[in-house]
Structures are given as C-alpha cells and as structure tokens.
C-alpha cells in the first residue's frame, strides 16, 4: 500500500507541477509575488537601517533614559502608597 501511495503522490505532483509551469496566470502571479517580496525586503532594510541609526543617536538614548527613569519613579510611587519618590 505504501508503494501505491507514493506512486499516486508522485503522479499527482507531476501533473500539478506541469500544469502550473505551463499556466500563464500562475506565472504572472509568481512574478508579481516575487517583485513584492523583493520590494518588501528593500523597504525592511531601509527601515532597519534608519532605526539602527536612530538607536545610536544621543538624543534617542537620552529619551530612553528619561522614559526608564519615569517608569522607575512610577513603580516606586505605586509601591510606596502613592508618595512621590525621595531624591537620592
């Protein structure tokens, strides 16, 4: 039974592959999909590069420090019963 199943799978695969390979509609779809994937990869590379540049800037690092300090102060305030944090 295993041999028969493999044979049927092989034959079905051959029919599907050949019919798709000879289908102009499928070929157009494949080309459009490939173009979109290349375009998306280029856009992702640009965005990643921009984010990397921003993350390395001093202004961004100062924003992160300020945000973390505000978050830490809020946590301290929550755990101290609502009193503002004491200065060190």
C-alpha atoms as a PDB file:
ATOM      1  CA  UNK A   1       0.000   0.000   0.000  1.00  0.00           C
ATOM      2  CA  UNK A   2       2.888   2.354   0.714  1.00  0.00           C
ATOM      3  CA  UNK A   3       4.297   1.903  -2.784  1.00  0.00           C
ATOM      4  CA  UNK A   4       0.921   2.643  -4.342  1.00  0.00           C
ATOM      5  CA  UNK A   5       0.517   5.773  -2.191  1.00  0.00           C
ATOM      6  CA  UNK A   6       3.951   7.046  -3.176  1.00  0.00           C
ATOM      7  CA  UNK A   7       3.258   6.358  -6.833  1.00  0.00           C
ATOM      8  CA  UNK A   8      -0.030   8.270  -6.726  1.00  0.00           C
ATOM      9  CA  UNK A   9       1.625  11.135  -4.876  1.00  0.00           C
ATOM     10  CA  UNK A  10       4.399  11.284  -7.484  1.00  0.00           C
ATOM     11  CA  UNK A  11       1.943  11.270 -10.380  1.00  0.00           C
ATOM     12  CA  UNK A  12      -0.261  13.938  -8.797  1.00  0.00           C
ATOM     13  CA  UNK A  13       2.823  16.056  -8.102  1.00  0.00           C
ATOM     14  CA  UNK A  14       3.954  15.749 -11.728  1.00  0.00           C
ATOM     15  CA  UNK A  15       0.536  16.803 -13.034  1.00  0.00           C
ATOM     16  CA  UNK A  16       0.300  19.777 -10.685  1.00  0.00           C
ATOM     17  CA  UNK A  17       3.850  20.984 -11.373  1.00  0.00           C
ATOM     18  CA  UNK A  18       3.490  20.685 -15.135  1.00  0.00           C
ATOM     19  CA  UNK A  19       0.105  22.388 -15.204  1.00  0.00           C
ATOM     20  CA  UNK A  20       1.330  25.278 -13.057  1.00  0.00           C
ATOM     21  CA  UNK A  21       4.549  25.610 -15.047  1.00  0.00           C
ATOM     22  CA  UNK A  22       2.525  25.956 -18.249  1.00  0.00           C
ATOM     23  CA  UNK A  23      -0.080  28.328 -16.803  1.00  0.00           C
ATOM     24  CA  UNK A  24       0.393  31.995 -17.811  1.00  0.00           C
ATOM     25  CA  UNK A  25      -1.825  33.138 -14.925  1.00  0.00           C
ATOM     26  CA  UNK A  26       0.300  31.272 -12.401  1.00  0.00           C
ATOM     27  CA  UNK A  27       3.486  32.656 -13.951  1.00  0.00           C
ATOM     28  CA  UNK A  28       2.144  36.239 -13.715  1.00  0.00           C
ATOM     29  CA  UNK A  29       1.184  35.636 -10.095  1.00  0.00           C
ATOM     30  CA  UNK A  30       4.635  34.218  -9.329  1.00  0.00           C
ATOM     31  CA  UNK A  31       6.395  37.198 -10.928  1.00  0.00           C
ATOM     32  CA  UNK A  32       4.199  39.728  -9.085  1.00  0.00           C
ATOM     33  CA  UNK A  33       4.707  37.908  -5.797  1.00  0.00           C
ATOM     34  CA  UNK A  34       8.463  37.842  -6.305  1.00  0.00           C
ATOM     35  CA  UNK A  35       8.522  41.561  -7.106  1.00  0.00           C
ATOM     36  CA  UNK A  36       6.529  42.339  -3.955  1.00  0.00           C
ATOM     37  CA  UNK A  37       8.853  40.218  -1.828  1.00  0.00           C
ATOM     38  CA  UNK A  38      11.936  41.976  -3.222  1.00  0.00           C
ATOM     39  CA  UNK A  39      10.316  45.382  -2.688  1.00  0.00           C
ATOM     40  CA  UNK A  40       9.308  44.489   0.883  1.00  0.00           C
ATOM     41  CA  UNK A  41      12.809  43.248   1.653  1.00  0.00           C
ATOM     42  CA  UNK A  42      14.300  46.516   0.366  1.00  0.00           C
ATOM     43  CA  UNK A  43      11.861  48.572   2.451  1.00  0.00           C
ATOM     44  CA  UNK A  44      12.611  46.478   5.536  1.00  0.00           C
ATOM     45  CA  UNK A  45      16.349  47.017   5.029  1.00  0.00           C
ATOM     46  CA  UNK A  46      15.843  50.796   4.767  1.00  0.00           C
ATOM     47  CA  UNK A  47      13.658  50.895   7.874  1.00  0.00           C
ATOM     48  CA  UNK A  48      16.081  48.714   9.821  1.00  0.00           C
ATOM     49  CA  UNK A  49      18.986  50.949   8.836  1.00  0.00           C
ATOM     50  CA  UNK A  50      17.042  54.065   9.906  1.00  0.00           C
ATOM     51  CA  UNK A  51      16.102  52.517  13.233  1.00  0.00           C
ATOM     52  CA  UNK A  52      19.680  51.456  13.837  1.00  0.00           C
ATOM     53  CA  UNK A  53      20.892  54.983  13.140  1.00  0.00           C
ATOM     54  CA  UNK A  54      18.238  56.434  15.456  1.00  0.00           C
ATOM     55  CA  UNK A  55      19.053  53.971  18.235  1.00  0.00           C
ATOM     56  CA  UNK A  56      22.683  55.033  18.098  1.00  0.00           C
ATOM     57  CA  UNK A  57      21.880  58.755  18.406  1.00  0.00           C
ATOM     58  CA  UNK A  58      22.474  60.514  21.725  1.00  0.00           C
ATOM     59  CA  UNK A  59      19.022  62.133  21.588  1.00  0.00           C
ATOM     60  CA  UNK A  60      17.296  58.759  21.381  1.00  0.00           C
ATOM     61  CA  UNK A  61      19.421  57.344  24.193  1.00  0.00           C
ATOM     62  CA  UNK A  62      18.502  60.335  26.384  1.00  0.00           C
ATOM     63  CA  UNK A  63      14.800  59.775  25.583  1.00  0.00           C
ATOM     64  CA  UNK A  64      15.132  56.135  26.626  1.00  0.00           C
ATOM     65  CA  UNK A  65      16.884  57.089  29.876  1.00  0.00           C
ATOM     66  CA  UNK A  66      14.177  59.669  30.669  1.00  0.00           C
ATOM     67  CA  UNK A  67      11.433  57.159  29.919  1.00  0.00           C
ATOM     68  CA  UNK A  68      13.041  54.477  32.075  1.00  0.00           C
ATOM     69  CA  UNK A  69      13.509  56.966  34.934  1.00  0.00           C
ATOM     70  CA  UNK A  70       9.838  57.999  34.707  1.00  0.00           C
ATOM     71  CA  UNK A  71       8.810  54.341  34.682  1.00  0.00           C
ATOM     72  CA  UNK A  72      11.003  53.547  37.690  1.00  0.00           C
ATOM     73  CA  UNK A  73       9.583  56.565  39.562  1.00  0.00           C
ATOM     74  CA  UNK A  74       6.012  55.411  38.801  1.00  0.00           C
ATOM     75  CA  UNK A  75       6.796  51.898  40.070  1.00  0.00           C
ATOM     76  CA  UNK A  76       8.363  53.293  43.237  1.00  0.00           C
ATOM     77  CA  UNK A  77       5.360  55.581  43.734  1.00  0.00           C
ATOM     78  CA  UNK A  78       2.958  52.646  43.283  1.00  0.00           C
ATOM     79  CA  UNK A  79       4.823  50.518  45.793  1.00  0.00           C
ATOM     80  CA  UNK A  80       5.200  53.356  48.315  1.00  0.00           C
ATOM     81  CA  UNK A  81       1.483  54.000  48.637  1.00  0.00           C
ATOM     82  CA  UNK A  82       1.304  56.941  46.257  1.00  0.00           C
ATOM     83  CA  UNK A  83       4.000  59.090  47.868  1.00  0.00           C
ATOM     84  CA  UNK A  84       6.443  60.707  45.435  1.00  0.00           C
ATOM     85  CA  UNK A  85       9.913  59.084  45.355  1.00  0.00           C
ATOM     86  CA  UNK A  86      12.516  60.589  47.621  1.00  0.00           C
ATOM     87  CA  UNK A  87      15.501  62.208  45.974  1.00  0.00           C
ATOM     88  CA  UNK A  88      18.806  60.429  46.434  1.00  0.00           C
END
